[in-house]
mmCIF file of all heavy atoms, coordinates in Angstrom:
data_MODEL
# 
_entry.id   MODEL 
# 
loop_
_atom_site.group_PDB 
_atom_site.id 
_atom_site.type_symbol 
_atom_site.label_atom_id 
_atom_site.label_alt_id 
_atom_site.label_comp_id 
_atom_site.label_asym_id 
_atom_site.label_entity_id 
_atom_site.label_seq_id 
_atom_site.pdbx_PDB_ins_code 
_atom_site.Cartn_x 
_atom_site.Cartn_y 
_atom_site.Cartn_z 
_atom_site.occupancy 
_atom_site.B_iso_or_equiv 
_atom_site.pdbx_formal_charge 
_atom_site.auth_seq_id 
_atom_site.auth_comp_id 
_atom_site.auth_asym_id 
_atom_site.auth_atom_id 
_atom_site.pdbx_PDB_model_num 
ATOM 1   N N   . ILE A 1 1  ? -11.422 -12.374 5.172  1.00 0.00 ? 1  ILE A N   1 
ATOM 2   C CA  . ILE A 1 1  ? -11.863 -11.155 5.870  1.00 0.00 ? 1  ILE A CA  1 
ATOM 3   C C   . ILE A 1 1  ? -10.658 -10.445 6.473  1.00 0.00 ? 1  ILE A C   1 
ATOM 4   O O   . ILE A 1 1  ? -10.576 -9.210  6.466  1.00 0.00 ? 1  ILE A O   1 
ATOM 5   C CB  . ILE A 1 1  ? -12.897 -11.486 6.962  1.00 0.00 ? 1  ILE A CB  1 
ATOM 6   C CG1 . ILE A 1 1  ? -14.208 -11.961 6.341  1.00 0.00 ? 1  ILE A CG1 1 
ATOM 7   C CG2 . ILE A 1 1  ? -13.190 -10.256 7.833  1.00 0.00 ? 1  ILE A CG2 1 
ATOM 8   C CD1 . ILE A 1 1  ? -15.203 -12.512 7.349  1.00 0.00 ? 1  ILE A CD1 1 
ATOM 9   N N   . SER A 1 2  ? -9.709  -11.220 6.993  1.00 0.00 ? 2  SER A N   1 
ATOM 10  C CA  . SER A 1 2  ? -8.495  -10.602 7.539  1.00 0.00 ? 2  SER A CA  1 
ATOM 11  C C   . SER A 1 2  ? -7.725  -9.872  6.449  1.00 0.00 ? 2  SER A C   1 
ATOM 12  O O   . SER A 1 2  ? -7.052  -8.871  6.720  1.00 0.00 ? 2  SER A O   1 
ATOM 13  C CB  . SER A 1 2  ? -7.609  -11.663 8.201  1.00 0.00 ? 2  SER A CB  1 
ATOM 14  O OG  . SER A 1 2  ? -6.964  -12.485 7.250  1.00 0.00 ? 2  SER A OG  1 
ATOM 15  N N   . ASN A 1 3  ? -7.829  -10.339 5.204  1.00 0.00 ? 3  ASN A N   1 
ATOM 16  C CA  . ASN A 1 3  ? -7.152  -9.676  4.091  1.00 0.00 ? 3  ASN A CA  1 
ATOM 17  C C   . ASN A 1 3  ? -7.920  -8.453  3.599  1.00 0.00 ? 3  ASN A C   1 
ATOM 18  O O   . ASN A 1 3  ? -7.350  -7.378  3.425  1.00 0.00 ? 3  ASN A O   1 
ATOM 19  C CB  . ASN A 1 3  ? -6.962  -10.650 2.925  1.00 0.00 ? 3  ASN A CB  1 
ATOM 20  C CG  . ASN A 1 3  ? -5.934  -11.718 3.230  1.00 0.00 ? 3  ASN A CG  1 
ATOM 21  O OD1 . ASN A 1 3  ? -5.048  -11.518 4.048  1.00 0.00 ? 3  ASN A OD1 1 
ATOM 22  N ND2 . ASN A 1 3  ? -6.056  -12.869 2.589  1.00 0.00 ? 3  ASN A ND2 1 
ATOM 23  N N   . TYR A 1 4  ? -9.215  -8.620  3.346  1.00 0.00 ? 4  TYR A N   1 
ATOM 24  C CA  . TYR A 1 4  ? -10.006 -7.547  2.747  1.00 0.00 ? 4  TYR A CA  1 
ATOM 25  C C   . TYR A 1 4  ? -10.555 -6.556  3.779  1.00 0.00 ? 4  TYR A C   1 
ATOM 26  O O   . TYR A 1 4  ? -10.787 -5.396  3.463  1.00 0.00 ? 4  TYR A O   1 
ATOM 27  C CB  . TYR A 1 4  ? -11.174 -8.130  1.941  1.00 0.00 ? 4  TYR A CB  1 
ATOM 28  C CG  . TYR A 1 4  ? -10.807 -8.508  0.540  1.00 0.00 ? 4  TYR A CG  1 
ATOM 29  C CD1 . TYR A 1 4  ? -10.192 -9.728  0.261  1.00 0.00 ? 4  TYR A CD1 1 
ATOM 30  C CD2 . TYR A 1 4  ? -11.056 -7.657  -0.519 1.00 0.00 ? 4  TYR A CD2 1 
ATOM 31  C CE1 . TYR A 1 4  ? -9.832  -10.079 -1.024 1.00 0.00 ? 4  TYR A CE1 1 
ATOM 32  C CE2 . TYR A 1 4  ? -10.711 -7.989  -1.813 1.00 0.00 ? 4  TYR A CE2 1 
ATOM 33  C CZ  . TYR A 1 4  ? -10.103 -9.206  -2.063 1.00 0.00 ? 4  TYR A CZ  1 
ATOM 34  O OH  . TYR A 1 4  ? -9.742  -9.533  -3.347 1.00 0.00 ? 4  TYR A OH  1 
ATOM 35  N N   . GLY A 1 5  ? -10.770 -7.012  4.991  1.00 0.00 ? 5  GLY A N   1 
ATOM 36  C CA  . GLY A 1 5  ? -11.412 -6.155  5.977  1.00 0.00 ? 5  GLY A CA  1 
ATOM 37  C C   . GLY A 1 5  ? -10.475 -5.403  6.884  1.00 0.00 ? 5  GLY A C   1 
ATOM 38  O O   . GLY A 1 5  ? -10.787 -4.287  7.324  1.00 0.00 ? 5  GLY A O   1 
ATOM 39  N N   . THR A 1 6  ? -9.290  -5.975  7.172  1.00 0.00 ? 6  THR A N   1 
ATOM 40  C CA  . THR A 1 6  ? -8.412  -5.338  8.152  1.00 0.00 ? 6  THR A CA  1 
ATOM 41  C C   . THR A 1 6  ? -6.960  -5.237  7.697  1.00 0.00 ? 6  THR A C   1 
ATOM 42  O O   . THR A 1 6  ? -6.149  -4.665  8.413  1.00 0.00 ? 6  THR A O   1 
ATOM 43  C CB  . THR A 1 6  ? -8.440  -6.120  9.491  1.00 0.00 ? 6  THR A CB  1 
ATOM 44  O OG1 . THR A 1 6  ? -7.967  -7.460  9.288  1.00 0.00 ? 6  THR A OG1 1 
ATOM 45  C CG2 . THR A 1 6  ? -9.849  -6.178  10.049 1.00 0.00 ? 6  THR A CG2 1 
ATOM 46  N N   . ASN A 1 7  ? -6.605  -5.775  6.546  1.00 0.00 ? 7  ASN A N   1 
ATOM 47  C CA  . ASN A 1 7  ? -5.237  -5.694  6.052  1.00 0.00 ? 7  ASN A CA  1 
ATOM 48  C C   . ASN A 1 7  ? -5.028  -4.349  5.359  1.00 0.00 ? 7  ASN A C   1 
ATOM 49  O O   . ASN A 1 7  ? -5.807  -3.955  4.488  1.00 0.00 ? 7  ASN A O   1 
ATOM 50  C CB  . ASN A 1 7  ? -4.959  -6.845  5.087  1.00 0.00 ? 7  ASN A CB  1 
ATOM 51  C CG  . ASN A 1 7  ? -3.518  -6.908  4.653  1.00 0.00 ? 7  ASN A CG  1 
ATOM 52  O OD1 . ASN A 1 7  ? -3.044  -6.059  3.912  1.00 0.00 ? 7  ASN A OD1 1 
ATOM 53  N ND2 . ASN A 1 7  ? -2.803  -7.922  5.123  1.00 0.00 ? 7  ASN A ND2 1 
ATOM 54  N N   . GLN A 1 8  ? -3.961  -3.646  5.715  1.00 0.00 ? 8  GLN A N   1 
ATOM 55  C CA  . GLN A 1 8  ? -3.712  -2.307  5.190  1.00 0.00 ? 8  GLN A CA  1 
ATOM 56  C C   . GLN A 1 8  ? -3.665  -2.274  3.665  1.00 0.00 ? 8  GLN A C   1 
ATOM 57  O O   . GLN A 1 8  ? -4.134  -1.323  3.043  1.00 0.00 ? 8  GLN A O   1 
ATOM 58  C CB  . GLN A 1 8  ? -2.400  -1.760  5.755  1.00 0.00 ? 8  GLN A CB  1 
ATOM 59  C CG  . GLN A 1 8  ? -1.945  -0.445  5.165  1.00 0.00 ? 8  GLN A CG  1 
ATOM 60  C CD  . GLN A 1 8  ? -2.835  0.722   5.541  1.00 0.00 ? 8  GLN A CD  1 
ATOM 61  O OE1 . GLN A 1 8  ? -3.603  0.636   6.487  1.00 0.00 ? 8  GLN A OE1 1 
ATOM 62  N NE2 . GLN A 1 8  ? -2.754  1.809   4.782  1.00 0.00 ? 8  GLN A NE2 1 
ATOM 63  N N   . ALA A 1 9  ? -3.089  -3.305  3.037  1.00 0.00 ? 9  ALA A N   1 
ATOM 64  C CA  . ALA A 1 9  ? -2.958  -3.319  1.587  1.00 0.00 ? 9  ALA A CA  1 
ATOM 65  C C   . ALA A 1 9  ? -4.316  -3.203  0.897  1.00 0.00 ? 9  ALA A C   1 
ATOM 66  O O   . ALA A 1 9  ? -4.447  -2.545  -0.141 1.00 0.00 ? 9  ALA A O   1 
ATOM 67  C CB  . ALA A 1 9  ? -2.245  -4.591  1.136  1.00 0.00 ? 9  ALA A CB  1 
ATOM 68  N N   . GLN A 1 10 ? -5.353  -3.830  1.462  1.00 0.00 ? 10 GLN A N   1 
ATOM 69  C CA  . GLN A 1 10 ? -6.684  -3.769  0.871  1.00 0.00 ? 10 GLN A CA  1 
ATOM 70  C C   . GLN A 1 10 ? -7.473  -2.562  1.373  1.00 0.00 ? 10 GLN A C   1 
ATOM 71  O O   . GLN A 1 10 ? -8.156  -1.898  0.599  1.00 0.00 ? 10 GLN A O   1 
ATOM 72  C CB  . GLN A 1 10 ? -7.453  -5.062  1.176  1.00 0.00 ? 10 GLN A CB  1 
ATOM 73  C CG  . GLN A 1 10 ? -6.832  -6.323  0.611  1.00 0.00 ? 10 GLN A CG  1 
ATOM 74  C CD  . GLN A 1 10 ? -6.846  -6.352  -0.904 1.00 0.00 ? 10 GLN A CD  1 
ATOM 75  O OE1 . GLN A 1 10 ? -6.219  -5.527  -1.572 1.00 0.00 ? 10 GLN A OE1 1 
ATOM 76  N NE2 . GLN A 1 10 ? -7.563  -7.289  -1.472 1.00 0.00 ? 10 GLN A NE2 1 
ATOM 77  N N   . VAL A 1 11 ? -7.390  -2.289  2.659  1.00 0.00 ? 11 VAL A N   1 
ATOM 78  C CA  . VAL A 1 11 ? -8.118  -1.144  3.215  1.00 0.00 ? 11 VAL A CA  1 
ATOM 79  C C   . VAL A 1 11 ? -7.676  0.149   2.534  1.00 0.00 ? 11 VAL A C   1 
ATOM 80  O O   . VAL A 1 11 ? -8.495  1.010   2.196  1.00 0.00 ? 11 VAL A O   1 
ATOM 81  C CB  . VAL A 1 11 ? -7.905  -1.051  4.744  1.00 0.00 ? 11 VAL A CB  1 
ATOM 82  C CG1 . VAL A 1 11 ? -8.472  0.255   5.293  1.00 0.00 ? 11 VAL A CG1 1 
ATOM 83  C CG2 . VAL A 1 11 ? -8.561  -2.245  5.435  1.00 0.00 ? 11 VAL A CG2 1 
ATOM 84  N N   . GLN A 1 12 ? -6.376  0.280   2.306  1.00 0.00 ? 12 GLN A N   1 
ATOM 85  C CA  . GLN A 1 12 ? -5.851  1.499   1.685  1.00 0.00 ? 12 GLN A CA  1 
ATOM 86  C C   . GLN A 1 12 ? -6.412  1.695   0.286  1.00 0.00 ? 12 GLN A C   1 
ATOM 87  O O   . GLN A 1 12 ? -6.680  2.831   -0.128 1.00 0.00 ? 12 GLN A O   1 
ATOM 88  C CB  . GLN A 1 12 ? -4.323  1.417   1.637  1.00 0.00 ? 12 GLN A CB  1 
ATOM 89  C CG  . GLN A 1 12 ? -3.638  2.719   1.266  1.00 0.00 ? 12 GLN A CG  1 
ATOM 90  C CD  . GLN A 1 12 ? -2.133  2.600   1.418  1.00 0.00 ? 12 GLN A CD  1 
ATOM 91  O OE1 . GLN A 1 12 ? -1.626  1.768   2.164  1.00 0.00 ? 12 GLN A OE1 1 
ATOM 92  N NE2 . GLN A 1 12 ? -1.401  3.431   0.693  1.00 0.00 ? 12 GLN A NE2 1 
ATOM 93  N N   . ARG A 1 13 ? -6.620  0.605   -0.460 1.00 0.00 ? 13 ARG A N   1 
ATOM 94  C CA  . ARG A 1 13 ? -7.211  0.721   -1.787 1.00 0.00 ? 13 ARG A CA  1 
ATOM 95  C C   . ARG A 1 13 ? -8.667  1.174   -1.706 1.00 0.00 ? 13 ARG A C   1 
ATOM 96  O O   . ARG A 1 13 ? -9.114  1.988   -2.491 1.00 0.00 ? 13 ARG A O   1 
ATOM 97  C CB  . ARG A 1 13 ? -7.115  -0.618  -2.516 1.00 0.00 ? 13 ARG A CB  1 
ATOM 98  C CG  . ARG A 1 13 ? -5.848  -0.739  -3.297 1.00 0.00 ? 13 ARG A CG  1 
ATOM 99  C CD  . ARG A 1 13 ? -5.092  -2.026  -3.088 1.00 0.00 ? 13 ARG A CD  1 
ATOM 100 N NE  . ARG A 1 13 ? -3.706  -1.823  -3.427 1.00 0.00 ? 13 ARG A NE  1 
ATOM 101 C CZ  . ARG A 1 13 ? -2.811  -1.233  -2.619 1.00 0.00 ? 13 ARG A CZ  1 
ATOM 102 N NH1 . ARG A 1 13 ? -3.164  -0.816  -1.438 1.00 0.00 ? 13 ARG A NH1 1 
ATOM 103 N NH2 . ARG A 1 13 ? -1.558  -1.056  -3.002 1.00 0.00 ? 13 ARG A NH2 1 
ATOM 104 N N   . ALA A 1 14 ? -9.406  0.621   -0.757 1.00 0.00 ? 14 ALA A N   1 
ATOM 105 C CA  . ALA A 1 14 ? -10.802 1.030   -0.595 1.00 0.00 ? 14 ALA A CA  1 
ATOM 106 C C   . ALA A 1 14 ? -10.901 2.514   -0.245 1.00 0.00 ? 14 ALA A C   1 
ATOM 107 O O   . ALA A 1 14 ? -11.827 3.216   -0.675 1.00 0.00 ? 14 ALA A O   1 
ATOM 108 C CB  . ALA A 1 14 ? -11.472 0.186   0.477  1.00 0.00 ? 14 ALA A CB  1 
ATOM 109 N N   . LEU A 1 15 ? -9.925  3.021   0.523  1.00 0.00 ? 15 LEU A N   1 
ATOM 110 C CA  . LEU A 1 15 ? -9.943  4.418   0.946  1.00 0.00 ? 15 LEU A CA  1 
ATOM 111 C C   . LEU A 1 15 ? -9.601  5.382   -0.181 1.00 0.00 ? 15 LEU A C   1 
ATOM 112 O O   . LEU A 1 15 ? -9.748  6.598   -0.014 1.00 0.00 ? 15 LEU A O   1 
ATOM 113 C CB  . LEU A 1 15 ? -8.972  4.626   2.112  1.00 0.00 ? 15 LEU A CB  1 
ATOM 114 C CG  . LEU A 1 15 ? -9.302  3.866   3.409  1.00 0.00 ? 15 LEU A CG  1 
ATOM 115 C CD1 . LEU A 1 15 ? -8.211  4.093   4.452  1.00 0.00 ? 15 LEU A CD1 1 
ATOM 116 C CD2 . LEU A 1 15 ? -10.657 4.278   3.957  1.00 0.00 ? 15 LEU A CD2 1 
ATOM 117 N N   . THR A 1 16 ? -9.143  4.875   -1.330 1.00 0.00 ? 16 THR A N   1 
ATOM 118 C CA  . THR A 1 16 ? -8.860  5.760   -2.462 1.00 0.00 ? 16 THR A CA  1 
ATOM 119 C C   . THR A 1 16 ? -10.119 6.146   -3.218 1.00 0.00 ? 16 THR A C   1 
ATOM 120 O O   . THR A 1 16 ? -10.072 7.041   -4.071 1.00 0.00 ? 16 THR A O   1 
ATOM 121 C CB  . THR A 1 16 ? -7.876  5.107   -3.451 1.00 0.00 ? 16 THR A CB  1 
ATOM 122 O OG1 . THR A 1 16 ? -8.480  3.935   -4.017 1.00 0.00 ? 16 THR A OG1 1 
ATOM 123 C CG2 . THR A 1 16 ? -6.571  4.735   -2.771 1.00 0.00 ? 16 THR A CG2 1 
ATOM 124 N N   . CYS A 1 17 ? -11.235 5.488   -2.944 1.00 0.00 ? 17 CYS A N   1 
ATOM 125 C CA  . CYS A 1 17 ? -12.498 5.802   -3.639 1.00 0.00 ? 17 CYS A CA  1 
ATOM 126 C C   . CYS A 1 17 ? -13.056 7.138   -3.158 1.00 0.00 ? 17 CYS A C   1 
ATOM 127 O O   . CYS A 1 17 ? -12.799 7.585   -2.041 1.00 0.00 ? 17 CYS A O   1 
ATOM 128 C CB  . CYS A 1 17 ? -13.522 4.691   -3.392 1.00 0.00 ? 17 CYS A CB  1 
ATOM 129 S SG  . CYS A 1 17 ? -13.132 3.138   -4.213 1.00 0.00 ? 17 CYS A SG  1 
ATOM 130 N N   . GLY A 1 18 ? -13.873 7.745   -4.028 1.00 0.00 ? 18 GLY A N   1 
ATOM 131 C CA  . GLY A 1 18 ? -14.431 9.052   -3.707 1.00 0.00 ? 18 GLY A CA  1 
ATOM 132 C C   . GLY A 1 18 ? -15.536 9.037   -2.683 1.00 0.00 ? 18 GLY A C   1 
ATOM 133 O O   . GLY A 1 18 ? -15.876 10.081  -2.113 1.00 0.00 ? 18 GLY A O   1 
ATOM 134 N N   . SER A 1 19 ? -16.138 7.875   -2.429 1.00 0.00 ? 19 SER A N   1 
ATOM 135 C CA  . SER A 1 19 ? -17.208 7.772   -1.433 1.00 0.00 ? 19 SER A CA  1 
ATOM 136 C C   . SER A 1 19 ? -17.231 6.367   -0.861 1.00 0.00 ? 19 SER A C   1 
ATOM 137 O O   . SER A 1 19 ? -16.678 5.433   -1.461 1.00 0.00 ? 19 SER A O   1 
ATOM 138 C CB  . SER A 1 19 ? -18.571 8.092   -2.058 1.00 0.00 ? 19 SER A CB  1 
ATOM 139 O OG  . SER A 1 19 ? -18.944 7.087   -2.987 1.00 0.00 ? 19 SER A OG  1 
ATOM 140 N N   . LEU A 1 20 ? -17.886 6.223   0.283  1.00 0.00 ? 20 LEU A N   1 
ATOM 141 C CA  . LEU A 1 20 ? -18.005 4.900   0.894  1.00 0.00 ? 20 LEU A CA  1 
ATOM 142 C C   . LEU A 1 20 ? -18.781 3.964   -0.014 1.00 0.00 ? 20 LEU A C   1 
ATOM 143 O O   . LEU A 1 20 ? -18.426 2.776   -0.135 1.00 0.00 ? 20 LEU A O   1 
ATOM 144 C CB  . LEU A 1 20 ? -18.703 5.014   2.255  1.00 0.00 ? 20 LEU A CB  1 
ATOM 145 C CG  . LEU A 1 20 ? -19.030 3.687   2.961  1.00 0.00 ? 20 LEU A CG  1 
ATOM 146 C CD1 . LEU A 1 20 ? -17.763 2.877   3.195  1.00 0.00 ? 20 LEU A CD1 1 
ATOM 147 C CD2 . LEU A 1 20 ? -19.753 3.949   4.289  1.00 0.00 ? 20 LEU A CD2 1 
ATOM 148 N N   . ARG A 1 21 ? -19.813 4.448   -0.657 1.00 0.00 ? 21 ARG A N   1 
ATOM 149 C CA  . ARG A 1 21 ? -20.603 3.593   -1.550 1.00 0.00 ? 21 ARG A CA  1 
ATOM 150 C C   . ARG A 1 21 ? -19.733 3.044   -2.679 1.00 0.00 ? 21 ARG A C   1 
ATOM 151 O O   . ARG A 1 21 ? -19.821 1.868   -3.022 1.00 0.00 ? 21 ARG A O   1 
ATOM 152 C CB  . ARG A 1 21 ? -21.777 4.381   -2.123 1.00 0.00 ? 21 ARG A CB  1 
ATOM 153 C CG  . ARG A 1 21 ? -22.620 3.575   -3.113 1.00 0.00 ? 21 ARG A CG  1 
ATOM 154 C CD  . ARG A 1 21 ? -23.865 4.317   -3.538 1.00 0.00 ? 21 ARG A CD  1 
ATOM 155 N NE  . ARG A 1 21 ? -24.575 3.604   -4.580 1.00 0.00 ? 21 ARG A NE  1 
ATOM 156 C CZ  . ARG A 1 21 ? -25.369 2.567   -4.365 1.00 0.00 ? 21 ARG A CZ  1 
ATOM 157 N NH1 . ARG A 1 21 ? -25.541 2.104   -3.133 1.00 0.00 ? 21 ARG A NH1 1 
ATOM 158 N NH2 . ARG A 1 21 ? -25.988 1.971   -5.357 1.00 0.00 ? 21 ARG A NH2 1 
ATOM 159 N N   . HIS A 1 22 ? -18.887 3.881   -3.243 1.00 0.00 ? 22 HIS A N   1 
ATOM 160 C CA  . HIS A 1 22 ? -17.997 3.412   -4.302 1.00 0.00 ? 22 HIS A CA  1 
ATOM 161 C C   . HIS A 1 22 ? -17.010 2.371   -3.769 1.00 0.00 ? 22 HIS A C   1 
ATOM 162 O O   . HIS A 1 22 ? -16.672 1.408   -4.464 1.00 0.00 ? 22 HIS A O   1 
ATOM 163 C CB  . HIS A 1 22 ? -17.243 4.589   -4.909 1.00 0.00 ? 22 HIS A CB  1 
ATOM 164 C CG  . HIS A 1 22 ? -18.081 5.431   -5.811 1.00 0.00 ? 22 HIS A CG  1 
ATOM 165 N ND1 . HIS A 1 22 ? -17.684 6.671   -6.279 1.00 0.00 ? 22 HIS A ND1 1 
ATOM 166 C CD2 . HIS A 1 22 ? -19.318 5.225   -6.331 1.00 0.00 ? 22 HIS A CD2 1 
ATOM 167 C CE1 . HIS A 1 22 ? -18.619 7.176   -7.046 1.00 0.00 ? 22 HIS A CE1 1 
ATOM 168 N NE2 . HIS A 1 22 ? -19.637 6.326   -7.096 1.00 0.00 ? 22 HIS A NE2 1 
ATOM 169 N N   . ALA A 1 23 ? -16.527 2.563   -2.560 1.00 0.00 ? 23 ALA A N   1 
ATOM 170 C CA  . ALA A 1 23 ? -15.623 1.586   -1.955 1.00 0.00 ? 23 ALA A CA  1 
ATOM 171 C C   . ALA A 1 23 ? -16.321 0.244   -1.785 1.00 0.00 ? 23 ALA A C   1 
ATOM 172 O O   . ALA A 1 23 ? -15.734 -0.819  -2.029 1.00 0.00 ? 23 ALA A O   1 
ATOM 173 C CB  . ALA A 1 23 ? -15.119 2.108   -0.609 1.00 0.00 ? 23 ALA A CB  1 
ATOM 174 N N   . GLN A 1 24 ? -17.579 0.268   -1.361 1.00 0.00 ? 24 GLN A N   1 
ATOM 175 C CA  . GLN A 1 24 ? -18.332 -0.973  -1.180 1.00 0.00 ? 24 GLN A CA  1 
ATOM 176 C C   . GLN A 1 24 ? -18.604 -1.653  -2.517 1.00 0.00 ? 24 GLN A C   1 
ATOM 177 O O   . GLN A 1 24 ? -18.526 -2.885  -2.631 1.00 0.00 ? 24 GLN A O   1 
ATOM 178 C CB  . GLN A 1 24 ? -19.639 -0.671  -0.449 1.00 0.00 ? 24 GLN A CB  1 
ATOM 179 C CG  . GLN A 1 24 ? -19.429 -0.266  1.001  1.00 0.00 ? 24 GLN A CG  1 
ATOM 180 C CD  . GLN A 1 24 ? -20.697 0.222   1.664  1.00 0.00 ? 24 GLN A CD  1 
ATOM 181 O OE1 . GLN A 1 24 ? -21.534 0.897   1.045  1.00 0.00 ? 24 GLN A OE1 1 
ATOM 182 N NE2 . GLN A 1 24 ? -20.863 -0.101  2.948  1.00 0.00 ? 24 GLN A NE2 1 
ATOM 183 N N   . ILE A 1 25 ? -18.903 -0.853  -3.539 1.00 0.00 ? 25 ILE A N   1 
ATOM 184 C CA  . ILE A 1 25 ? -19.108 -1.422  -4.877 1.00 0.00 ? 25 ILE A CA  1 
ATOM 185 C C   . ILE A 1 25 ? -17.831 -2.088  -5.368 1.00 0.00 ? 25 ILE A C   1 
ATOM 186 O O   . ILE A 1 25 ? -17.857 -3.190  -5.942 1.00 0.00 ? 25 ILE A O   1 
ATOM 187 C CB  . ILE A 1 25 ? -19.567 -0.331  -5.867 1.00 0.00 ? 25 ILE A CB  1 
ATOM 188 C CG1 . ILE A 1 25 ? -20.985 0.146   -5.514 1.00 0.00 ? 25 ILE A CG1 1 
ATOM 189 C CG2 . ILE A 1 25 ? -19.539 -0.849  -7.307 1.00 0.00 ? 25 ILE A CG2 1 
ATOM 190 C CD1 . ILE A 1 25 ? -21.445 1.344   -6.321 1.00 0.00 ? 25 ILE A CD1 1 
ATOM 191 N N   . ALA A 1 26 ? -16.690 -1.423  -5.149 1.00 0.00 ? 26 ALA A N   1 
ATOM 192 C CA  . ALA A 1 26 ? -15.403 -1.990  -5.571 1.00 0.00 ? 26 ALA A CA  1 
ATOM 193 C C   . ALA A 1 26 ? -15.156 -3.339  -4.897 1.00 0.00 ? 26 ALA A C   1 
ATOM 194 O O   . ALA A 1 26 ? -14.651 -4.282  -5.519 1.00 0.00 ? 26 ALA A O   1 
ATOM 195 C CB  . ALA A 1 26 ? -14.271 -1.013  -5.249 1.00 0.00 ? 26 ALA A CB  1 
ATOM 196 N N   . LEU A 1 27 ? -15.507 -3.440  -3.622 1.00 0.00 ? 27 LEU A N   1 
ATOM 197 C CA  . LEU A 1 27 ? -15.338 -4.703  -2.912 1.00 0.00 ? 27 LEU A CA  1 
ATOM 198 C C   . LEU A 1 27 ? -16.240 -5.788  -3.479 1.00 0.00 ? 27 LEU A C   1 
ATOM 199 O O   . LEU A 1 27 ? -15.816 -6.936  -3.670 1.00 0.00 ? 27 LEU A O   1 
ATOM 200 C CB  . LEU A 1 27 ? -15.613 -4.505  -1.422 1.00 0.00 ? 27 LEU A CB  1 
ATOM 201 C CG  . LEU A 1 27 ? -14.491 -3.816  -0.620 1.00 0.00 ? 27 LEU A CG  1 
ATOM 202 C CD1 . LEU A 1 27 ? -15.021 -3.338  0.725  1.00 0.00 ? 27 LEU A CD1 1 
ATOM 203 C CD2 . LEU A 1 27 ? -13.318 -4.761  -0.424 1.00 0.00 ? 27 LEU A CD2 1 
ATOM 204 N N   . TRP A 1 28 ? -17.494 -5.464  -3.770 1.00 0.00 ? 28 TRP A N   1 
ATOM 205 C CA  . TRP A 1 28 ? -18.417 -6.468  -4.275 1.00 0.00 ? 28 TRP A CA  1 
ATOM 206 C C   . TRP A 1 28 ? -18.065 -6.903  -5.702 1.00 0.00 ? 28 TRP A C   1 
ATOM 207 O O   . TRP A 1 28 ? -18.339 -8.041  -6.090 1.00 0.00 ? 28 TRP A O   1 
ATOM 208 C CB  . TRP A 1 28 ? -19.857 -5.965  -4.212 1.00 0.00 ? 28 TRP A CB  1 
ATOM 209 C CG  . TRP A 1 28 ? -20.464 -6.174  -2.855 1.00 0.00 ? 28 TRP A CG  1 
ATOM 210 C CD1 . TRP A 1 28 ? -20.791 -5.223  -1.931 1.00 0.00 ? 28 TRP A CD1 1 
ATOM 211 C CD2 . TRP A 1 28 ? -20.803 -7.439  -2.256 1.00 0.00 ? 28 TRP A CD2 1 
ATOM 212 N NE1 . TRP A 1 28 ? -21.306 -5.803  -0.799 1.00 0.00 ? 28 TRP A NE1 1 
ATOM 213 C CE2 . TRP A 1 28 ? -21.330 -7.159  -0.967 1.00 0.00 ? 28 TRP A CE2 1 
ATOM 214 C CE3 . TRP A 1 28 ? -20.707 -8.767  -2.663 1.00 0.00 ? 28 TRP A CE3 1 
ATOM 215 C CZ2 . TRP A 1 28 ? -21.760 -8.164  -0.109 1.00 0.00 ? 28 TRP A CZ2 1 
ATOM 216 C CZ3 . TRP A 1 28 ? -21.124 -9.774  -1.813 1.00 0.00 ? 28 TRP A CZ3 1 
ATOM 217 C CH2 . TRP A 1 28 ? -21.652 -9.464  -0.548 1.00 0.00 ? 28 TRP A CH2 1 
ATOM 218 N N   . ILE A 1 29 ? -17.451 -6.010  -6.472 1.00 0.00 ? 29 ILE A N   1 
ATOM 219 C CA  . ILE A 1 29 ? -16.992 -6.406  -7.810 1.00 0.00 ? 29 ILE A CA  1 
ATOM 220 C C   . ILE A 1 29 ? -15.944 -7.511  -7.709 1.00 0.00 ? 29 ILE A C   1 
ATOM 221 O O   . ILE A 1 29 ? -15.772 -8.320  -8.632 1.00 0.00 ? 29 ILE A O   1 
ATOM 222 C CB  . ILE A 1 29 ? -16.421 -5.184  -8.563 1.00 0.00 ? 29 ILE A CB  1 
ATOM 223 C CG1 . ILE A 1 29 ? -17.558 -4.218  -8.933 1.00 0.00 ? 29 ILE A CG1 1 
ATOM 224 C CG2 . ILE A 1 29 ? -15.677 -5.606  -9.832 1.00 0.00 ? 29 ILE A CG2 1 
ATOM 225 C CD1 . ILE A 1 29 ? -17.076 -2.923  -9.571 1.00 0.00 ? 29 ILE A CD1 1 
# 
């Protein structure tokens, strides 16, 4: 969780998605 939820390297990738839903889908994949 510290890596995927609060680490800049992962958070920044999630923020590249076009919507929050897409970011969440990317995480679950």
